[in-house]
């Protein structure tokens, strides 16, 4: 009887620990993802697949592997991006981006001379005016992405 309770406890505890290891929670620091996420808001990883365009991810930036950033994936492998007059262009074609009007114009050649490499992504903060993102630290490898964050949290 005691062995059964102990077995159930260990099974539950093991599942609980594994779940929180695979789907950790993070506290938002800074304003770079306003208005989607606010400072001190708690967010949780919901998935670990390859990011899709506009997924929000938690990552280690290439220039500071100890830091954790929350950013939106805008560019995918094999693409080039341009922002002109509040419009995102992916490989020369317009793509709707909710935060494009807040993005300073830039042409791809200001960022890179090549397309986004395989297994790498171009990320931006939603509060584009203050965000430290791929415009400053470059591409993010898939290995630097810890998970995809569930949107829809509110303060």
Protein backbone atom coordinates (compact mmCIF):
# COMPACT_ATOMS: atom_id res chain seq x y z
CA UNK A 1 0.00 0.00 0.00
CA UNK A 2 2.79 2.43 0.93
CA UNK A 3 4.65 1.39 -2.22
CA UNK A 4 1.58 2.26 -4.31
CA UNK A 5 1.29 5.74 -2.76
CA UNK A 6 5.01 6.28 -3.10
CA UNK A 7 4.89 5.15 -6.74
CA UNK A 8 1.97 7.50 -7.50
CA UNK A 9 3.75 10.37 -5.74
CA UNK A 10 6.98 9.80 -7.66
CA UNK A 11 5.10 9.50 -10.95
CA UNK A 12 3.19 12.74 -10.31
CA UNK A 13 6.31 14.57 -9.10
CA UNK A 14 8.29 13.35 -12.12
CA UNK A 15 5.57 14.48 -14.54
CA UNK A 16 5.24 17.84 -12.77
CA UNK A 17 9.01 18.50 -12.90
CA UNK A 18 9.27 17.40 -16.52
CA UNK A 19 6.35 19.62 -17.56
CA UNK A 20 7.90 22.70 -15.93
CA UNK A 21 11.29 21.89 -17.42
CA UNK A 22 9.83 21.58 -20.94
CA UNK A 23 7.39 24.49 -20.62
CA UNK A 24 9.04 26.99 -18.27
CA UNK A 25 7.64 30.37 -17.26
CA UNK A 26 9.55 33.62 -17.65
CA UNK A 27 9.02 37.11 -16.32
CA UNK A 28 9.09 39.87 -18.95
CA UNK A 29 11.79 42.48 -18.35
CA UNK A 30 11.83 45.75 -20.25
CA UNK A 31 9.52 47.44 -22.72
CA UNK A 32 10.66 45.96 -26.03
CA UNK A 33 7.52 43.80 -26.42
CA UNK A 34 4.94 46.45 -25.44
CA UNK A 35 2.01 46.47 -26.06
CA UNK A 36 1.82 42.68 -26.48
CA UNK A 37 3.59 41.89 -23.21
CA UNK A 38 4.23 44.22 -20.27
CA UNK A 39 7.11 44.44 -17.81
CA UNK A 40 6.90 41.81 -15.05
CA UNK A 41 4.19 39.88 -16.91
CA UNK A 42 4.69 36.12 -16.64
CA UNK A 43 4.76 34.20 -19.92
CA UNK A 44 5.06 30.48 -20.56
CA UNK A 45 6.63 28.41 -23.31
CA UNK A 46 3.89 26.57 -25.20
CA UNK A 47 5.82 24.80 -27.96
CA UNK A 48 9.25 23.77 -29.21
CA UNK A 49 8.75 23.43 -32.98
CA UNK A 50 10.60 25.50 -35.59
CA UNK A 51 9.27 29.04 -35.30
CA UNK A 52 6.82 30.40 -37.84
CA UNK A 53 6.58 34.00 -38.95
CA UNK A 54 5.25 36.22 -36.15
CA UNK A 55 5.67 33.61 -33.40
CA UNK A 56 6.93 35.15 -30.16
CA UNK A 57 9.99 33.33 -28.85
CA UNK A 58 12.21 33.41 -25.79
CA UNK A 59 15.87 33.30 -26.78
CA UNK A 60 19.48 33.85 -25.84
CA UNK A 61 20.72 36.73 -28.02
CA UNK A 62 23.95 35.99 -29.93
CA UNK A 63 25.81 38.88 -28.30
CA UNK A 64 24.90 37.86 -24.71
CA UNK A 65 24.37 34.10 -24.29
CA UNK A 66 23.42 34.46 -20.61
CA UNK A 67 20.58 36.95 -21.26
CA UNK A 68 16.99 36.03 -22.09
CA UNK A 69 15.01 38.07 -24.62
CA UNK A 70 11.42 37.88 -25.77
CA UNK A 71 11.10 38.73 -29.49
CA UNK A 72 8.84 38.20 -32.50
CA UNK A 73 10.09 36.12 -35.45
CA UNK A 74 9.74 38.23 -38.61
CA UNK A 75 12.25 36.67 -41.00
CA UNK A 76 12.67 32.97 -41.82
CA UNK A 77 15.59 31.05 -43.37
CA UNK A 78 16.20 31.92 -47.02
CA UNK A 79 14.50 35.31 -46.85
CA UNK A 80 15.45 38.96 -47.04
CA UNK A 81 13.39 41.71 -45.43
CA UNK A 82 12.79 45.36 -46.17
CA UNK A 83 10.60 47.89 -44.38
CA UNK A 84 9.48 50.84 -46.48
CA UNK A 85 6.85 53.42 -45.55
CA UNK A 86 5.31 51.25 -42.83
CA UNK A 87 5.19 48.08 -44.95
CA UNK A 88 7.09 44.81 -44.50
CA UNK A 89 8.43 43.23 -47.68
CA UNK A 90 9.63 39.63 -47.66
CA UNK A 91 11.67 38.77 -50.74
CA UNK A 92 10.15 41.84 -52.40
CA UNK A 93 6.51 40.92 -51.69
CA UNK A 94 4.35 42.84 -49.20
CA UNK A 95 3.43 40.97 -46.02
CA UNK A 96 1.07 42.29 -43.34
CA UNK A 97 2.89 43.05 -40.09
CA UNK A 98 0.87 44.48 -37.21
CA UNK A 99 3.86 46.56 -36.06
CA UNK A 100 5.27 47.62 -39.46
CA UNK A 101 4.12 51.23 -39.09
CA UNK A 102 6.34 51.52 -36.01
CA UNK A 103 9.38 50.14 -37.83
CA UNK A 104 12.01 52.48 -39.20
CA UNK A 105 12.59 52.04 -42.90
CA UNK A 106 15.53 49.85 -43.78
CA UNK A 107 16.74 47.93 -46.78
CA UNK A 108 18.21 44.49 -46.36
CA UNK A 109 21.70 45.55 -47.39
CA UNK A 110 21.86 47.65 -44.20
CA UNK A 111 21.43 44.45 -42.19
CA UNK A 112 23.12 41.72 -44.25
CA UNK A 113 24.66 40.98 -47.62
CA UNK A 114 23.16 37.46 -47.68
CA UNK A 115 19.77 35.84 -47.12
CA UNK A 116 18.87 34.61 -43.64
CA UNK A 117 20.91 31.40 -43.23
CA UNK A 118 19.39 27.96 -42.75
CA UNK A 119 18.27 27.37 -39.13
CA UNK A 120 18.43 31.11 -38.37
CA UNK A 121 15.78 33.79 -37.85
CA UNK A 122 15.40 37.55 -37.89
CA UNK A 123 13.62 38.77 -34.74
CA UNK A 124 12.18 42.14 -33.73
CA UNK A 125 10.56 43.50 -30.59
CA UNK A 126 7.00 44.77 -30.93
CA UNK A 127 8.06 48.15 -29.50
CA UNK A 128 10.41 48.70 -32.41
CA UNK A 129 11.67 52.12 -31.27
CA UNK A 130 13.37 50.73 -28.13
CA UNK A 131 13.97 47.07 -28.98
CA UNK A 132 17.42 45.49 -29.10
CA UNK A 133 16.89 42.83 -31.76
CA UNK A 134 18.27 41.38 -34.99
CA UNK A 135 18.81 44.88 -36.33
CA UNK A 136 21.57 45.25 -33.74
CA UNK A 137 22.73 41.71 -32.83
CA UNK A 138 22.08 39.85 -36.09
CA UNK A 139 20.41 36.56 -36.82
CA UNK A 140 19.34 34.14 -34.09
CA UNK A 141 20.04 30.45 -34.56
CA UNK A 142 17.35 27.89 -33.82
CA UNK A 143 19.60 26.55 -31.05
CA UNK A 144 19.39 29.93 -29.28
CA UNK A 145 15.58 29.78 -29.22
CA UNK A 146 14.32 28.19 -26.00
CA UNK A 147 10.67 28.00 -27.00
CA UNK A 148 7.61 29.65 -28.44
CA UNK A 149 5.56 31.80 -26.08
CA UNK A 150 1.80 31.68 -25.83
CA UNK A 151 0.24 35.04 -26.70
CA UNK A 152 -2.93 36.39 -25.21
CA UNK A 153 -1.66 37.04 -21.70
CA UNK A 154 -2.87 40.24 -20.17
CA UNK A 155 -1.76 42.39 -17.29
